C-alpha atoms as a PDB file:
ATOM      1  CA  ILE A   1     136.003 -33.717 -22.626  1.00  0.00           C
ATOM      2  CA  GLU A   2     138.250 -33.983 -25.615  1.00  0.00           C
ATOM      3  CA  GLU A   3     135.757 -34.498 -28.442  1.00  0.00           C
ATOM      4  CA  PHE A   4     134.890 -31.384 -30.423  1.00  0.00           C
ATOM      5  CA  ASP A   5     132.663 -33.056 -33.005  1.00  0.00           C
ATOM      6  CA  PRO A   6     129.054 -32.622 -31.790  1.00  0.00           C
ATOM      7  CA  SER A   7     127.881 -35.599 -33.848  1.00  0.00           C
ATOM      8  CA  LYS A   8     129.977 -37.845 -31.586  1.00  0.00           C
ATOM      9  CA  TRP A   9     128.641 -36.451 -28.307  1.00  0.00           C
ATOM     10  CA  PRO A  10     126.457 -38.908 -26.401  1.00  0.00           C
ATOM     11  CA  ARG A  11     122.785 -37.971 -26.326  1.00  0.00           C
ATOM     12  CA  ARG A  12     121.235 -38.116 -22.872  1.00  0.00           C
ATOM     13  CA  SER A  13     117.774 -37.589 -21.533  1.00  0.00           C
ATOM     14  CA  HIS A  14     117.116 -35.574 -18.408  1.00  0.00           C
ATOM     15  CA  SER A  15     116.484 -38.758 -16.414  1.00  0.00           C
ATOM     16  CA  GLU A  16     119.792 -40.259 -17.590  1.00  0.00           C
ATOM     17  CA  HIS A  17     121.618 -37.095 -16.583  1.00  0.00           C
ATOM     18  CA  ILE A  18     120.049 -37.190 -13.107  1.00  0.00           C
ATOM     19  CA  LYS A  19     120.958 -40.873 -12.772  1.00  0.00           C
ATOM     20  CA  TYR A  20     124.629 -40.264 -13.640  1.00  0.00           C
ATOM     21  CA  ALA A  21     124.796 -37.183 -11.414  1.00  0.00           C
ATOM     22  CA  ASN A  22     123.435 -39.098  -8.434  1.00  0.00           C
ATOM     23  CA  GLU A  23     125.840 -41.970  -9.104  1.00  0.00           C
ATOM     24  CA  TRP A  24     128.696 -39.451  -9.065  1.00  0.00           C
ATOM     25  CA  ARG A  25     127.462 -37.876  -5.820  1.00  0.00           C
ATOM     26  CA  ASN A  26     127.340 -41.259  -4.064  1.00  0.00           C
ATOM     27  CA  ALA A  27     130.523 -42.724  -5.578  1.00  0.00           C
ATOM     28  CA  ALA A  28     133.728 -43.395  -3.692  1.00  0.00           C
ATOM     29  CA  HIS A  29     135.796 -42.694  -6.829  1.00  0.00           C
ATOM     30  CA  GLN A  30     134.166 -39.542  -8.181  1.00  0.00           C
ATOM     31  CA  ALA A  31     137.042 -38.539 -10.460  1.00  0.00           C
ATOM     32  CA  ARG A  32     136.919 -41.847 -12.317  1.00  0.00           C
ATOM     33  CA  LEU A  33     133.151 -41.689 -12.718  1.00  0.00           C
ATOM     34  CA  ALA A  34     133.259 -38.060 -13.888  1.00  0.00           C
ATOM     35  CA  LYS A  35     135.803 -38.987 -16.547  1.00  0.00           C
ATOM     36  CA  LYS A  36     133.679 -41.935 -17.682  1.00  0.00           C
ATOM     37  CA  ASN A  37     130.313 -40.126 -17.857  1.00  0.00           C
ATOM     38  CA  GLY A  38     131.344 -36.474 -18.073  1.00  0.00           C
ATOM     39  CA  ILE A  39     128.759 -35.584 -15.438  1.00  0.00           C
ATOM     40  CA  ARG A  40     129.014 -34.284 -11.888  1.00  0.00           C
ATOM     41  CA  TYR A  41     126.299 -33.521  -9.387  1.00  0.00           C
ATOM     42  CA  THR A  42     125.064 -29.990  -8.753  1.00  0.00           C
ATOM     43  CA  PRO A  43     122.400 -28.911  -6.246  1.00  0.00           C
ATOM     44  CA  LEU A  44     120.617 -27.196  -9.147  1.00  0.00           C
ATOM     45  CA  LEU A  45     119.425 -30.648 -10.193  1.00  0.00           C
ATOM     46  CA  ARG A  46     117.131 -30.658  -7.161  1.00  0.00           C
ATOM     47  CA  LEU A  47     115.055 -27.902  -8.771  1.00  0.00           C
ATOM     48  CA  LEU A  48     112.162 -29.589 -10.550  1.00  0.00           C
ATOM     49  CA  TYR A  49     112.148 -27.057 -13.386  1.00  0.00           C
ATOM     50  CA  TRP A  50     115.927 -27.254 -14.006  1.00  0.00           C
ATOM     51  CA  LYS A  51     116.394 -29.450 -17.068  1.00  0.00           C
ATOM     52  CA  ILE A  52     120.075 -29.015 -17.820  1.00  0.00           C
ATOM     53  CA  VAL A  53     119.999 -31.050 -21.041  1.00  0.00           C
ATOM     54  CA  HIS A  54     117.439 -28.606 -22.463  1.00  0.00           C
ATOM     55  CA  TYR A  55     118.892 -25.307 -21.273  1.00  0.00           C
ATOM     56  CA  ILE A  56     122.631 -25.634 -21.848  1.00  0.00           C
ATOM     57  CA  LEU A  57     124.390 -23.107 -24.038  1.00  0.00           C
ATOM     58  CA  ILE A  58     127.918 -22.166 -24.986  1.00  0.00           C
ATOM     59  CA  GLU A  59     128.857 -18.731 -23.724  1.00  0.00           C
ATOM     60  CA  PRO A  60     130.563 -16.225 -26.053  1.00  0.00           C
ATOM     61  CA  MET A  61     134.108 -16.804 -24.786  1.00  0.00           C
ATOM     62  CA  HIS A  62     133.991 -20.503 -25.574  1.00  0.00           C
ATOM     63  CA  CYS A  63     132.106 -19.847 -28.785  1.00  0.00           C
ATOM     64  CA  LEU A  64     135.057 -17.804 -30.046  1.00  0.00           C
ATOM     65  CA  ASP A  65     137.695 -20.071 -28.508  1.00  0.00           C
ATOM     66  CA  LEU A  66     136.328 -23.252 -30.079  1.00  0.00           C
ATOM     67  CA  GLY A  67     135.827 -21.652 -33.469  1.00  0.00           C
ATOM     68  CA  LEU A  68     132.056 -21.923 -33.271  1.00  0.00           C
ATOM     69  CA  ALA A  69     131.561 -18.269 -34.151  1.00  0.00           C
ATOM     70  CA  GLU A  70     133.379 -18.791 -37.446  1.00  0.00           C
ATOM     71  CA  HIS A  71     131.256 -21.865 -38.166  1.00  0.00           C
ATOM     72  CA  HIS A  72     128.039 -19.942 -37.468  1.00  0.00           C
ATOM     73  CA  VAL A  73     129.051 -17.027 -39.666  1.00  0.00           C
ATOM     74  CA  ARG A  74     130.291 -19.143 -42.569  1.00  0.00           C
ATOM     75  CA  GLU A  75     127.958 -22.136 -42.519  1.00  0.00           C
ATOM     76  CA  LEU A  76     124.736 -20.908 -40.968  1.00  0.00           C
ATOM     77  CA  LEU A  77     124.708 -17.303 -42.127  1.00  0.00           C
ATOM     78  CA  GLY A  78     126.560 -17.940 -45.387  1.00  0.00           C
ATOM     79  CA  ILE A  79     128.871 -14.949 -44.984  1.00  0.00           C
END
């Protein structure tokens, strides 16, 4: 993942995410497919209540590293 502009990130539904994850799990060339779709399989996807596209968040370390904290303080909080 090399794109840091959220407006350019592809939007995916939960069903699309599951589809790509299962394709990755069953693929012979997983590295190529992961690079293309940016998705890998995890056993957590078997949990019916686990909707990764709804519950994802950026943890504090990456928030600071990517400059998101500065954006939040300046743009969202107006400080």
